[in-house]
Amino acid sequence: MKLKGSKQEQDFRKELEGSNLVLAKDGKAEIIMNVLRVTFGELKSAYILNWTPEQGEDIYTILVDIDKIAKVEISRVNHSEVPLIETYNLKEFQKRLSKIFQIKLAVAIDLAKTEHQEG
């Protein structure tokens, strides 16, 4: 998807710039990063695309580097419970998305590409 610099894209860019888990320092980000590193190895970027707070857990949808999607489920109740992770092929994942979420994903990929060029 080609980005056009629309207001929606700019809003997503602002939101996503603050969601790169590689740069985050809080406890929840560290837990998620540990799960991602075990699954994918060393990462240059990990942007949170979506966060769903459920009754007993938080579910995060994350763009890992440029080409991988991970869904990480972390218990809110039992902090010793091992987080669950599901991984998805980016192309297959994109097909199921609404138009607006496709734009958000395209912005995240653009940010990740910049991270990878600089790193």
PDB file of N, CA and C in Angstrom:
ATOM      1  N   MET A   1       0.838  -1.173   0.000  1.00  0.00           N
ATOM      2  CA  MET A   1       0.000   0.000   0.000  1.00  0.00           C
ATOM      3  C   MET A   1       0.889   1.244   0.000  1.00  0.00           C
ATOM      4  N   LYS A   2       0.566   2.160  -0.874  1.00  0.00           N
ATOM      5  CA  LYS A   2       1.350   3.393  -0.994  1.00  0.00           C
ATOM      6  C   LYS A   2       0.804   4.440  -0.025  1.00  0.00           C
ATOM      7  N   LEU A   3       1.705   5.036   0.734  1.00  0.00           N
ATOM      8  CA  LEU A   3       1.309   6.073   1.685  1.00  0.00           C
ATOM      9  C   LEU A   3       1.205   7.421   0.983  1.00  0.00           C
ATOM     10  N   LYS A   4       0.225   8.234   1.411  1.00  0.00           N
ATOM     11  CA  LYS A   4      -0.033   9.514   0.750  1.00  0.00           C
ATOM     12  C   LYS A   4       0.225  10.711   1.655  1.00  0.00           C
ATOM     13  N   GLY A   5       0.538  10.484   2.924  1.00  0.00           N
ATOM     14  CA  GLY A   5       0.751  11.593   3.845  1.00  0.00           C
ATOM     15  C   GLY A   5      -0.539  12.189   4.384  1.00  0.00           C
ATOM     16  N   SER A   6      -1.613  11.409   4.385  1.00  0.00           N
ATOM     17  CA  SER A   6      -2.914  11.898   4.856  1.00  0.00           C
ATOM     18  C   SER A   6      -2.884  12.163   6.366  1.00  0.00           C
ATOM     19  N   LYS A   7      -3.896  12.854   6.837  1.00  0.00           N
ATOM     20  CA  LYS A   7      -4.025  13.144   8.271  1.00  0.00           C
ATOM     21  C   LYS A   7      -4.078  11.839   9.059  1.00  0.00           C
ATOM     22  N   GLN A   8      -4.818  10.865   8.558  1.00  0.00           N
ATOM     23  CA  GLN A   8      -4.926   9.564   9.233  1.00  0.00           C
ATOM     24  C   GLN A   8      -3.551   8.909   9.353  1.00  0.00           C
ATOM     25  N   GLU A   9      -2.779   8.943   8.278  1.00  0.00           N
ATOM     26  CA  GLU A   9      -1.429   8.367   8.303  1.00  0.00           C
ATOM     27  C   GLU A   9      -0.544   9.097   9.307  1.00  0.00           C
ATOM     28  N   GLN A  10      -0.645  10.418   9.344  1.00  0.00           N
ATOM     29  CA  GLN A  10       0.155  11.205  10.292  1.00  0.00           C
ATOM     30  C   GLN A  10      -0.217  10.867  11.734  1.00  0.00           C
ATOM     31  N   ASP A  11      -1.513  10.693  11.989  1.00  0.00           N
ATOM     32  CA  ASP A  11      -1.967  10.317  13.333  1.00  0.00           C
ATOM     33  C   ASP A  11      -1.437   8.937  13.718  1.00  0.00           C
ATOM     34  N   PHE A  12      -1.514   7.988  12.785  1.00  0.00           N
ATOM     35  CA  PHE A  12      -0.977   6.648  13.045  1.00  0.00           C
ATOM     36  C   PHE A  12       0.527   6.716  13.303  1.00  0.00           C
ATOM     37  N   ARG A  13       1.231   7.529  12.532  1.00  0.00           N
ATOM     38  CA  ARG A  13       2.689   7.650  12.676  1.00  0.00           C
ATOM     39  C   ARG A  13       3.046   8.129  14.091  1.00  0.00           C
ATOM     40  N   LYS A  14       2.327   9.150  14.571  1.00  0.00           N
ATOM     41  CA  LYS A  14       2.570   9.661  15.930  1.00  0.00           C
ATOM     42  C   LYS A  14       2.332   8.573  16.970  1.00  0.00           C
ATOM     43  N   GLU A  15       1.212   7.879  16.818  1.00  0.00           N
ATOM     44  CA  GLU A  15       0.858   6.814  17.758  1.00  0.00           C
ATOM     45  C   GLU A  15       1.906   5.702  17.740  1.00  0.00           C
ATOM     46  N   LEU A  16       2.301   5.281  16.554  1.00  0.00           N
ATOM     47  CA  LEU A  16       3.235   4.165  16.418  1.00  0.00           C
ATOM     48  C   LEU A  16       4.649   4.518  16.861  1.00  0.00           C
ATOM     49  N   GLU A  17       5.062   5.756  16.657  1.00  0.00           N
ATOM     50  CA  GLU A  17       6.413   6.156  17.065  1.00  0.00           C
ATOM     51  C   GLU A  17       6.618   5.942  18.560  1.00  0.00           C
ATOM     52  N   GLY A  18       5.560   6.078  19.325  1.00  0.00           N
ATOM     53  CA  GLY A  18       5.654   5.856  20.764  1.00  0.00           C
ATOM     54  C   GLY A  18       5.455   4.415  21.178  1.00  0.00           C
ATOM     55  N   SER A  19       5.222   3.536  20.213  1.00  0.00           N
ATOM     56  CA  SER A  19       4.917   2.142  20.550  1.00  0.00           C
ATOM     57  C   SER A  19       6.023   1.159  20.185  1.00  0.00           C
ATOM     58  N   ASN A  20       7.199   1.646  19.792  1.00  0.00           N
ATOM     59  CA  ASN A  20       8.295   0.740  19.448  1.00  0.00           C
ATOM     60  C   ASN A  20       8.838   0.126  20.736  1.00  0.00           C
ATOM     61  N   LEU A  21       8.559  -1.147  20.936  1.00  0.00           N
ATOM     62  CA  LEU A  21       8.941  -1.834  22.170  1.00  0.00           C
ATOM     63  C   LEU A  21      10.447  -1.912  22.361  1.00  0.00           C
ATOM     64  N   VAL A  22      11.214  -1.852  21.276  1.00  0.00           N
ATOM     65  CA  VAL A  22      12.671  -1.912  21.376  1.00  0.00           C
ATOM     66  C   VAL A  22      13.178  -0.712  22.182  1.00  0.00           C
ATOM     67  N   LEU A  23      12.494   0.422  22.082  1.00  0.00           N
ATOM     68  CA  LEU A  23      12.907   1.643  22.772  1.00  0.00           C
ATOM     69  C   LEU A  23      12.223   1.830  24.129  1.00  0.00           C
ATOM     70  N   ALA A  24      11.187   1.058  24.411  1.00  0.00           N
ATOM     71  CA  ALA A  24      10.413   1.221  25.650  1.00  0.00           C
ATOM     72  C   ALA A  24      11.180   0.693  26.857  1.00  0.00           C
ATOM     73  N   LYS A  25      10.891   1.260  28.013  1.00  0.00           N
ATOM     74  CA  LYS A  25      11.618   0.890  29.229  1.00  0.00           C
ATOM     75  C   LYS A  25      10.720   0.353  30.344  1.00  0.00           C
ATOM     76  N   ASP A  26       9.415   0.234  30.122  1.00  0.00           N
ATOM     77  CA  ASP A  26       8.556  -0.220  31.212  1.00  0.00           C
ATOM     78  C   ASP A  26       8.532  -1.748  31.319  1.00  0.00           C
ATOM     79  N   GLY A  27       8.006  -2.241  32.424  1.00  0.00           N
ATOM     80  CA  GLY A  27       8.009  -3.674  32.716  1.00  0.00           C
ATOM     81  C   GLY A  27       7.245  -4.514  31.716  1.00  0.00           C
ATOM     82  N   LYS A  28       6.081  -4.040  31.291  1.00  0.00           N
ATOM     83  CA  LYS A  28       5.258  -4.790  30.333  1.00  0.00           C
ATOM     84  C   LYS A  28       5.994  -4.921  29.000  1.00  0.00           C
ATOM     85  N   ALA A  29       6.650  -3.837  28.568  1.00  0.00           N
ATOM     86  CA  ALA A  29       7.415  -3.870  27.315  1.00  0.00           C
ATOM     87  C   ALA A  29       8.552  -4.885  27.412  1.00  0.00           C
ATOM     88  N   GLU A  30       9.217  -4.946  28.555  1.00  0.00           N
ATOM     89  CA  GLU A  30      10.315  -5.902  28.729  1.00  0.00           C
ATOM     90  C   GLU A  30       9.817  -7.337  28.653  1.00  0.00           C
ATOM     91  N   ILE A  31       8.651  -7.602  29.247  1.00  0.00           N
ATOM     92  CA  ILE A  31       8.071  -8.947  29.187  1.00  0.00           C
ATOM     93  C   ILE A  31       7.788  -9.324  27.738  1.00  0.00           C
ATOM     94  N   ILE A  32       7.164  -8.411  27.004  1.00  0.00           N
ATOM     95  CA  ILE A  32       6.837  -8.677  25.597  1.00  0.00           C
ATOM     96  C   ILE A  32       8.112  -8.869  24.786  1.00  0.00           C
ATOM     97  N   MET A  33       9.103  -8.010  24.993  1.00  0.00           N
ATOM     98  CA  MET A  33      10.367  -8.120  24.249  1.00  0.00           C
ATOM     99  C   MET A  33      11.056  -9.451  24.522  1.00  0.00           C
ATOM    100  N   ASN A  34      11.019  -9.926  25.757  1.00  0.00           N
ATOM    101  CA  ASN A  34      11.630 -11.224  26.069  1.00  0.00           C
ATOM    102  C   ASN A  34      10.961 -12.341  25.283  1.00  0.00           C
ATOM    103  N   VAL A  35       9.629 -12.312  25.210  1.00  0.00           N
ATOM    104  CA  VAL A  35       8.889 -13.323  24.443  1.00  0.00           C
ATOM    105  C   VAL A  35       9.254 -13.228  22.963  1.00  0.00           C
ATOM    106  N   LEU A  36       9.324 -12.010  22.438  1.00  0.00           N
ATOM    107  CA  LEU A  36       9.653 -11.823  21.020  1.00  0.00           C
ATOM    108  C   LEU A  36      11.079 -12.282  20.716  1.00  0.00           C
ATOM    109  N   ARG A  37      12.023 -11.988  21.613  1.00  0.00           N
ATOM    110  CA  ARG A  37      13.419 -12.398  21.383  1.00  0.00           C
ATOM    111  C   ARG A  37      13.573 -13.914  21.387  1.00  0.00           C
ATOM    112  N   VAL A  38      12.851 -14.584  22.280  1.00  0.00           N
ATOM    113  CA  VAL A  38      12.902 -16.049  22.314  1.00  0.00           C
ATOM    114  C   VAL A  38      12.390 -16.613  20.993  1.00  0.00           C
ATOM    115  N   THR A  39      11.361 -15.995  20.451  1.00  0.00           N
ATOM    116  CA  THR A  39      10.744 -16.486  19.215  1.00  0.00           C
ATOM    117  C   THR A  39      11.515 -16.075  17.965  1.00  0.00           C
ATOM    118  N   PHE A  40      11.978 -14.828  17.897  1.00  0.00           N
ATOM    119  CA  PHE A  40      12.554 -14.285  16.664  1.00  0.00           C
ATOM    120  C   PHE A  40      14.044 -13.982  16.731  1.00  0.00           C
ATOM    121  N   GLY A  41      14.659 -14.056  17.899  1.00  0.00           N
ATOM    122  CA  GLY A  41      16.058 -13.645  18.022  1.00  0.00           C
ATOM    123  C   GLY A  41      16.130 -12.143  18.255  1.00  0.00           C
ATOM    124  N   GLU A  42      17.252 -11.535  17.909  1.00  0.00           N
ATOM    125  CA  GLU A  42      17.429 -10.093  18.140  1.00  0.00           C
ATOM    126  C   GLU A  42      16.545  -9.287  17.188  1.00  0.00           C
ATOM    127  N   LEU A  43      15.973  -8.201  17.685  1.00  0.00           N
ATOM    128  CA  LEU A  43      15.035  -7.383  16.908  1.00  0.00           C
ATOM    129  C   LEU A  43      15.549  -5.961  16.761  1.00  0.00           C
ATOM    130  N   LYS A  44      15.207  -5.343  15.639  1.00  0.00           N
ATOM    131  CA  LYS A  44      15.511  -3.922  15.453  1.00  0.00           C
ATOM    132  C   LYS A  44      14.301  -3.059  15.752  1.00  0.00           C
ATOM    133  N   SER A  45      13.108  -3.618  15.537  1.00  0.00           N
ATOM    134  CA  SER A  45      11.887  -2.866  15.825  1.00  0.00           C
ATOM    135  C   SER A  45      10.750  -3.822  16.157  1.00  0.00           C
ATOM    136  N   ALA A  46       9.821  -3.316  16.960  1.00  0.00           N
ATOM    137  CA  ALA A  46       8.624  -4.082  17.329  1.00  0.00           C
ATOM    138  C   ALA A  46       7.535  -3.065  17.671  1.00  0.00           C
ATOM    139  N   TYR A  47       6.687  -2.783  16.694  1.00  0.00           N
ATOM    140  CA  TYR A  47       5.645  -1.765  16.856  1.00  0.00           C
ATOM    141  C   TYR A  47       4.316  -2.404  17.252  1.00  0.00           C
ATOM    142  N   ILE A  48       3.710  -1.877  18.316  1.00  0.00           N
ATOM    143  CA  ILE A  48       2.398  -2.365  18.729  1.00  0.00           C
ATOM    144  C   ILE A  48       1.354  -1.794  17.768  1.00  0.00           C
ATOM    145  N   LEU A  49       0.691  -2.681  17.056  1.00  0.00           N
ATOM    146  CA  LEU A  49      -0.362  -2.279  16.124  1.00  0.00           C
ATOM    147  C   LEU A  49      -1.712  -2.186  16.825  1.00  0.00           C
ATOM    148  N   ASN A  50      -1.905  -3.073  17.799  1.00  0.00           N
ATOM    149  CA  ASN A  50      -3.185  -3.109  18.493  1.00  0.00           C
ATOM    150  C   ASN A  50      -2.989  -3.691  19.887  1.00  0.00           C
ATOM    151  N   TRP A  51      -3.755  -3.177  20.836  1.00  0.00           N
ATOM    152  CA  TRP A  51      -3.755  -3.690  22.196  1.00  0.00           C
ATOM    153  C   TRP A  51      -5.194  -3.924  22.594  1.00  0.00           C
ATOM    154  N   THR A  52      -5.502  -5.147  23.004  1.00  0.00           N
ATOM    155  CA  THR A  52      -6.846  -5.491  23.434  1.00  0.00           C
ATOM    156  C   THR A  52      -6.795  -5.916  24.894  1.00  0.00           C
ATOM    157  N   PRO A  53      -7.308  -5.086  25.794  1.00  0.00           N
ATOM    158  CA  PRO A  53      -7.356  -5.495  27.196  1.00  0.00           C
ATOM    159  C   PRO A  53      -8.567  -6.402  27.424  1.00  0.00           C
ATOM    160  N   GLU A  54      -8.315  -7.648  27.738  1.00  0.00           N
ATOM    161  CA  GLU A  54      -9.382  -8.599  28.038  1.00  0.00           C
ATOM    162  C   GLU A  54      -9.539  -8.666  29.555  1.00  0.00           C
ATOM    163  N   GLN A  55     -10.472  -9.466  30.013  1.00  0.00           N
ATOM    164  CA  GLN A  55     -10.728  -9.542  31.446  1.00  0.00           C
ATOM    165  C   GLN A  55      -9.517 -10.075  32.214  1.00  0.00           C
ATOM    166  N   GLY A  56      -8.904 -11.138  31.723  1.00  0.00           N
ATOM    167  CA  GLY A  56      -7.795 -11.742  32.452  1.00  0.00           C
ATOM    168  C   GLY A  56      -6.444 -11.577  31.796  1.00  0.00           C
ATOM    169  N   GLU A  57      -6.411 -10.989  30.592  1.00  0.00           N
ATOM    170  CA  GLU A  57      -5.135 -10.865  29.887  1.00  0.00           C
ATOM    171  C   GLU A  57      -5.148  -9.652  28.961  1.00  0.00           C
ATOM    172  N   ASP A  58      -3.959  -9.262  28.560  1.00  0.00           N
ATOM    173  CA  ASP A  58      -3.777  -8.227  27.544  1.00  0.00           C
ATOM    174  C   ASP A  58      -3.280  -8.914  26.282  1.00  0.00           C
ATOM    175  N   ILE A  59      -3.849  -8.555  25.142  1.00  0.00           N
ATOM    176  CA  ILE A  59      -3.437  -9.145  23.868  1.00  0.00           C
ATOM    177  C   ILE A  59      -2.862  -8.033  22.997  1.00  0.00           C
ATOM    178  N   TYR A  60      -1.633  -8.237  22.556  1.00  0.00           N
ATOM    179  CA  TYR A  60      -0.921  -7.255  21.735  1.00  0.00           C
ATOM    180  C   TYR A  60      -0.695  -7.835  20.346  1.00  0.00           C
ATOM    181  N   THR A  61      -0.991  -7.054  19.316  1.00  0.00           N
ATOM    182  CA  THR A  61      -0.650  -7.404  17.945  1.00  0.00           C
ATOM    183  C   THR A  61       0.524  -6.518  17.569  1.00  0.00           C
ATOM    184  N   ILE A  62       1.622  -7.148  17.130  1.00  0.00           N
ATOM    185  CA  ILE A  62       2.891  -6.437  16.975  1.00  0.00           C
ATOM    186  C   ILE A  62       3.512  -6.718  15.610  1.00  0.00           C
ATOM    187  N   LEU A  63       3.986  -5.649  14.958  1.00  0.00           N
ATOM    188  CA  LEU A  63       4.807  -5.798  13.757  1.00  0.00           C
ATOM    189  C   LEU A  63       6.241  -5.979  14.238  1.00  0.00           C
ATOM    190  N   VAL A  64       6.817  -7.131  13.949  1.00  0.00           N
ATOM    191  CA  VAL A  64       8.184  -7.442  14.367  1.00  0.00           C
ATOM    192  C   VAL A  64       9.102  -7.247  13.170  1.00  0.00           C
ATOM    193  N   ASP A  65      10.099  -6.373  13.347  1.00  0.00           N
ATOM    194  CA  ASP A  65      10.981  -5.965  12.260  1.00  0.00           C
ATOM    195  C   ASP A  65      10.119  -5.477  11.099  1.00  0.00           C
ATOM    196  N   ILE A  66      10.350  -5.954   9.888  1.00  0.00           N
ATOM    197  CA  ILE A  66       9.611  -5.424   8.734  1.00  0.00           C
ATOM    198  C   ILE A  66       8.561  -6.399   8.224  1.00  0.00           C
ATOM    199  N   ASP A  67       8.705  -7.677   8.565  1.00  0.00           N
ATOM    200  CA  ASP A  67       7.937  -8.679   7.825  1.00  0.00           C
ATOM    201  C   ASP A  67       7.250  -9.755   8.655  1.00  0.00           C
ATOM    202  N   LYS A  68       7.150  -9.564   9.970  1.00  0.00           N
ATOM    203  CA  LYS A  68       6.523 -10.586  10.800  1.00  0.00           C
ATOM    204  C   LYS A  68       5.461  -9.955  11.698  1.00  0.00           C
ATOM    205  N   ILE A  69       4.435 -10.732  11.975  1.00  0.00           N
ATOM    206  CA  ILE A  69       3.380 -10.301  12.890  1.00  0.00           C
ATOM    207  C   ILE A  69       3.329 -11.292  14.047  1.00  0.00           C
ATOM    208  N   ALA A  70       3.212 -10.759  15.254  1.00  0.00           N
ATOM    209  CA  ALA A  70       3.078 -11.609  16.437  1.00  0.00           C
ATOM    210  C   ALA A  70       1.891 -11.130  17.256  1.00  0.00           C
ATOM    211  N   LYS A  71       1.157 -12.091  17.804  1.00  0.00           N
ATOM    212  CA  LYS A  71       0.120 -11.778  18.790  1.00  0.00           C
ATOM    213  C   LYS A  71       0.618 -12.354  20.103  1.00  0.00           C
ATOM    214  N   VAL A  72       0.756 -11.488  21.095  1.00  0.00           N
ATOM    215  CA  VAL A  72       1.259 -11.898  22.403  1.00  0.00           C
ATOM    216  C   VAL A  72       0.151 -11.687  23.427  1.00  0.00           C
ATOM    217  N   GLU A  73      -0.101 -12.735  24.212  1.00  0.00           N
ATOM    218  CA  GLU A  73      -1.134 -12.689  25.241  1.00  0.00           C
ATOM    219  C   GLU A  73      -0.461 -12.792  26.605  1.00  0.00           C
ATOM    220  N   ILE A  74      -0.660 -11.776  27.437  1.00  0.00           N
ATOM    221  CA  ILE A  74      -0.027 -11.724  28.753  1.00  0.00           C
ATOM    222  C   ILE A  74      -1.108 -11.681  29.824  1.00  0.00           C
ATOM    223  N   SER A  75      -1.008 -12.592  30.787  1.00  0.00           N
ATOM    224  CA  SER A  75      -1.979 -12.653  31.878  1.00  0.00           C
ATOM    225  C   SER A  75      -1.885 -11.410  32.754  1.00  0.00           C
ATOM    226  N   ARG A  76      -3.039 -10.867  33.116  1.00  0.00           N
ATOM    227  CA  ARG A  76      -3.091  -9.758  34.066  1.00  0.00           C
ATOM    228  C   ARG A  76      -3.197 -10.280  35.493  1.00  0.00           C
ATOM    229  N   VAL A  77      -3.652 -11.521  35.627  1.00  0.00           N
ATOM    230  CA  VAL A  77      -3.935 -12.105  36.931  1.00  0.00           C
ATOM    231  C   VAL A  77      -2.729 -12.859  37.482  1.00  0.00           C
ATOM    232  N   ASN A  78      -2.179 -13.755  36.671  1.00  0.00           N
ATOM    233  CA  ASN A  78      -1.084 -14.618  37.110  1.00  0.00           C
ATOM    234  C   ASN A  78       0.201 -14.181  36.414  1.00  0.00           C
ATOM    235  N   HIS A  79       1.009 -13.386  37.098  1.00  0.00           N
ATOM    236  CA  HIS A  79       2.221 -12.834  36.492  1.00  0.00           C
ATOM    237  C   HIS A  79       3.306 -13.877  36.272  1.00  0.00           C
ATOM    238  N   SER A  80       3.156 -15.057  36.876  1.00  0.00           N
ATOM    239  CA  SER A  80       4.140 -16.119  36.647  1.00  0.00           C
ATOM    240  C   SER A  80       3.761 -16.973  35.433  1.00  0.00           C
ATOM    241  N   GLU A  81       2.575 -16.751  34.891  1.00  0.00           N
ATOM    242  CA  GLU A  81       2.122 -17.493  33.712  1.00  0.00           C
ATOM    243  C   GLU A  81       2.942 -17.078  32.492  1.00  0.00           C
ATOM    244  N   VAL A  82       3.385 -18.068  31.742  1.00  0.00           N
ATOM    245  CA  VAL A  82       4.191 -17.801  30.549  1.00  0.00           C
ATOM    246  C   VAL A  82       3.299 -17.168  29.474  1.00  0.00           C
ATOM    247  N   PRO A  83       3.714 -16.025  28.916  1.00  0.00           N
ATOM    248  CA  PRO A  83       2.922 -15.396  27.852  1.00  0.00           C
ATOM    249  C   PRO A  83       2.796 -16.315  26.633  1.00  0.00           C
ATOM    250  N   LEU A  84       1.658 -16.248  25.978  1.00  0.00           N
ATOM    251  CA  LEU A  84       1.430 -17.022  24.760  1.00  0.00           C
ATOM    252  C   LEU A  84       1.780 -16.158  23.561  1.00  0.00           C
ATOM    253  N   ILE A  85       2.305 -16.795  22.516  1.00  0.00           N
ATOM    254  CA  ILE A  85       2.625 -16.047  21.299  1.00  0.00           C
ATOM    255  C   ILE A  85       2.163 -16.837  20.084  1.00  0.00           C
ATOM    256  N   GLU A  86       1.576 -16.131  19.143  1.00  0.00           N
ATOM    257  CA  GLU A  86       1.224 -16.691  17.838  1.00  0.00           C
ATOM    258  C   GLU A  86       1.915 -15.831  16.797  1.00  0.00           C
ATOM    259  N   THR A  87       2.440 -16.465  15.763  1.00  0.00           N
ATOM    260  CA  THR A  87       3.107 -15.707  14.705  1.00  0.00           C
ATOM    261  C   THR A  87       2.341 -15.876  13.399  1.00  0.00           C
ATOM    262  N   TYR A  88       2.428 -14.847  12.568  1.00  0.00           N
ATOM    263  CA  TYR A  88       1.693 -14.829  11.304  1.00  0.00           C
ATOM    264  C   TYR A  88       2.590 -14.344  10.179  1.00  0.00           C
ATOM    265  N   ASN A  89       2.338 -14.865   9.001  1.00  0.00           N
ATOM    266  CA  ASN A  89       2.973 -14.377   7.788  1.00  0.00           C
ATOM    267  C   ASN A  89       2.350 -13.018   7.472  1.00  0.00           C
ATOM    268  N   LEU A  90       3.176 -12.034   7.195  1.00  0.00           N
ATOM    269  CA  LEU A  90       2.686 -10.675   6.967  1.00  0.00           C
ATOM    270  C   LEU A  90       1.673 -10.610   5.827  1.00  0.00           C
ATOM    271  N   LYS A  91       1.966 -11.248   4.717  1.00  0.00           N
ATOM    272  CA  LYS A  91       1.071 -11.190   3.543  1.00  0.00           C
ATOM    273  C   LYS A  91      -0.306 -11.780   3.863  1.00  0.00           C
ATOM    274  N   GLU A  92      -0.313 -12.935   4.537  1.00  0.00           N
ATOM    275  CA  GLU A  92      -1.587 -13.569   4.893  1.00  0.00           C
ATOM    276  C   GLU A  92      -2.358 -12.710   5.896  1.00  0.00           C
ATOM    277  N   PHE A  93      -1.643 -12.136   6.842  1.00  0.00           N
ATOM    278  CA  PHE A  93      -2.256 -11.295   7.864  1.00  0.00           C
ATOM    279  C   PHE A  93      -2.906 -10.065   7.231  1.00  0.00           C
ATOM    280  N   GLN A  94      -2.216  -9.450   6.267  1.00  0.00           N
ATOM    281  CA  GLN A  94      -2.722  -8.238   5.602  1.00  0.00           C
ATOM    282  C   GLN A  94      -4.054  -8.471   4.916  1.00  0.00           C
ATOM    283  N   LYS A  95      -4.234  -9.644   4.346  1.00  0.00           N
ATOM    284  CA  LYS A  95      -5.449  -9.937   3.580  1.00  0.00           C
ATOM    285  C   LYS A  95      -6.710  -9.835   4.431  1.00  0.00           C
ATOM    286  N   ARG A  96      -6.586 -10.084   5.737  1.00  0.00           N
ATOM    287  CA  ARG A  96      -7.759 -10.121   6.612  1.00  0.00           C
ATOM    288  C   ARG A  96      -8.090  -8.771   7.240  1.00  0.00           C
ATOM    289  N   LEU A  97      -7.300  -7.763   6.948  1.00  0.00           N
ATOM    290  CA  LEU A  97      -7.441  -6.480   7.636  1.00  0.00           C
ATOM    291  C   LEU A  97      -8.420  -5.530   6.957  1.00  0.00           C
ATOM    292  N   SER A  98      -9.030  -4.681   7.772  1.00  0.00           N
ATOM    293  CA  SER A  98      -9.858  -3.605   7.227  1.00  0.00           C
ATOM    294  C   SER A  98      -8.939  -2.596   6.542  1.00  0.00           C
ATOM    295  N   LYS A  99      -9.506  -1.743   5.726  1.00  0.00           N
ATOM    296  CA  LYS A  99      -8.733  -0.734   4.997  1.00  0.00           C
ATOM    297  C   LYS A  99      -7.964   0.170   5.965  1.00  0.00           C
ATOM    298  N   ILE A 100      -8.611   0.603   7.035  1.00  0.00           N
ATOM    299  CA  ILE A 100      -7.970   1.517   7.977  1.00  0.00           C
ATOM    300  C   ILE A 100      -6.802   0.833   8.697  1.00  0.00           C
ATOM    301  N   PHE A 101      -6.967  -0.449   9.035  1.00  0.00           N
ATOM    302  CA  PHE A 101      -5.880  -1.165   9.704  1.00  0.00           C
ATOM    303  C   PHE A 101      -4.748  -1.447   8.718  1.00  0.00           C
ATOM    304  N   GLN A 102      -5.073  -1.621   7.434  1.00  0.00           N
ATOM    305  CA  GLN A 102      -4.027  -1.777   6.414  1.00  0.00           C
ATOM    306  C   GLN A 102      -3.178  -0.513   6.333  1.00  0.00           C
ATOM    307  N   ILE A 103      -3.809   0.649   6.473  1.00  0.00           N
ATOM    308  CA  ILE A 103      -3.064   1.914   6.462  1.00  0.00           C
ATOM    309  C   ILE A 103      -2.137   1.971   7.672  1.00  0.00           C
ATOM    310  N   LYS A 104      -2.664   1.608   8.841  1.00  0.00           N
ATOM    311  CA  LYS A 104      -1.844   1.613  10.061  1.00  0.00           C
ATOM    312  C   LYS A 104      -0.654   0.671   9.906  1.00  0.00           C
ATOM    313  N   LEU A 105      -0.879  -0.502   9.352  1.00  0.00           N
ATOM    314  CA  LEU A 105       0.201  -1.463   9.138  1.00  0.00           C
ATOM    315  C   LEU A 105       1.227  -0.905   8.158  1.00  0.00           C
ATOM    316  N   ALA A 106       0.772  -0.255   7.098  1.00  0.00           N
ATOM    317  CA  ALA A 106       1.691   0.330   6.114  1.00  0.00           C
ATOM    318  C   ALA A 106       2.568   1.409   6.755  1.00  0.00           C
ATOM    319  N   VAL A 107       1.990   2.212   7.630  1.00  0.00           N
ATOM    320  CA  VAL A 107       2.765   3.242   8.337  1.00  0.00           C
ATOM    321  C   VAL A 107       3.791   2.574   9.249  1.00  0.00           C
ATOM    322  N   ALA A 108       3.393   1.520   9.953  1.00  0.00           N
ATOM    323  CA  ALA A 108       4.316   0.801  10.838  1.00  0.00           C
ATOM    324  C   ALA A 108       5.468   0.186  10.042  1.00  0.00           C
ATOM    325  N   ILE A 109       5.167  -0.377   8.884  1.00  0.00           N
ATOM    326  CA  ILE A 109       6.215  -0.954   8.032  1.00  0.00           C
ATOM    327  C   ILE A 109       7.171   0.138   7.575  1.00  0.00           C
ATOM    328  N   ASP A 110       6.630   1.301   7.216  1.00  0.00           N
ATOM    329  CA  ASP A 110       7.466   2.431   6.810  1.00  0.00           C
ATOM    330  C   ASP A 110       8.402   2.852   7.949  1.00  0.00           C
ATOM    331  N   LEU A 111       7.880   2.948   9.160  1.00  0.00           N
ATOM    332  CA  LEU A 111       8.711   3.286  10.321  1.00  0.00           C
ATOM    333  C   LEU A 111       9.780   2.220  10.561  1.00  0.00           C
ATOM    334  N   ALA A 112       9.389   0.956  10.444  1.00  0.00           N
ATOM    335  CA  ALA A 112      10.336  -0.143  10.665  1.00  0.00           C
ATOM    336  C   ALA A 112      11.451  -0.122   9.622  1.00  0.00           C
ATOM    337  N   LYS A 113      11.103   0.183   8.380  1.00  0.00           N
ATOM    338  CA  LYS A 113      12.133   0.260   7.330  1.00  0.00           C
ATOM    339  C   LYS A 113      13.147   1.351   7.659  1.00  0.00           C
ATOM    340  N   THR A 114      12.662   2.481   8.167  1.00  0.00           N
ATOM    341  CA  THR A 114      13.556   3.569   8.572  1.00  0.00           C
ATOM    342  C   THR A 114      14.479   3.104   9.697  1.00  0.00           C
ATOM    343  N   GLU A 115      13.921   2.399  10.681  1.00  0.00           N
ATOM    344  CA  GLU A 115      14.723   1.857  11.789  1.00  0.00           C
ATOM    345  C   GLU A 115      15.822   0.941  11.263  1.00  0.00           C
ATOM    346  N   HIS A 116      15.478   0.101  10.312  1.00  0.00           N
ATOM    347  CA  HIS A 116      16.429  -0.880   9.788  1.00  0.00           C
ATOM    348  C   HIS A 116      17.523  -0.218   8.960  1.00  0.00           C
ATOM    349  N   GLN A 117      17.188   0.863   8.267  1.00  0.00           N
ATOM    350  CA  GLN A 117      18.205   1.585   7.487  1.00  0.00           C
ATOM    351  C   GLN A 117      19.175   2.309   8.400  1.00  0.00           C
ATOM    352  N   GLU A 118      18.655   2.854   9.506  1.00  0.00           N
ATOM    353  CA  GLU A 118      19.502   3.597  10.441  1.00  0.00           C
ATOM    354  C   GLU A 118      20.342   2.669  11.303  1.00  0.00           C
ATOM    355  N   GLY A 119      19.799   1.462  11.580  1.00  0.00           N
ATOM    356  CA  GLY A 119      20.480   0.533  12.490  1.00  0.00           C
ATOM    357  C   GLY A 119      21.412  -0.318  11.742  1.00  0.00           C
TER     358      GLY A 119
END
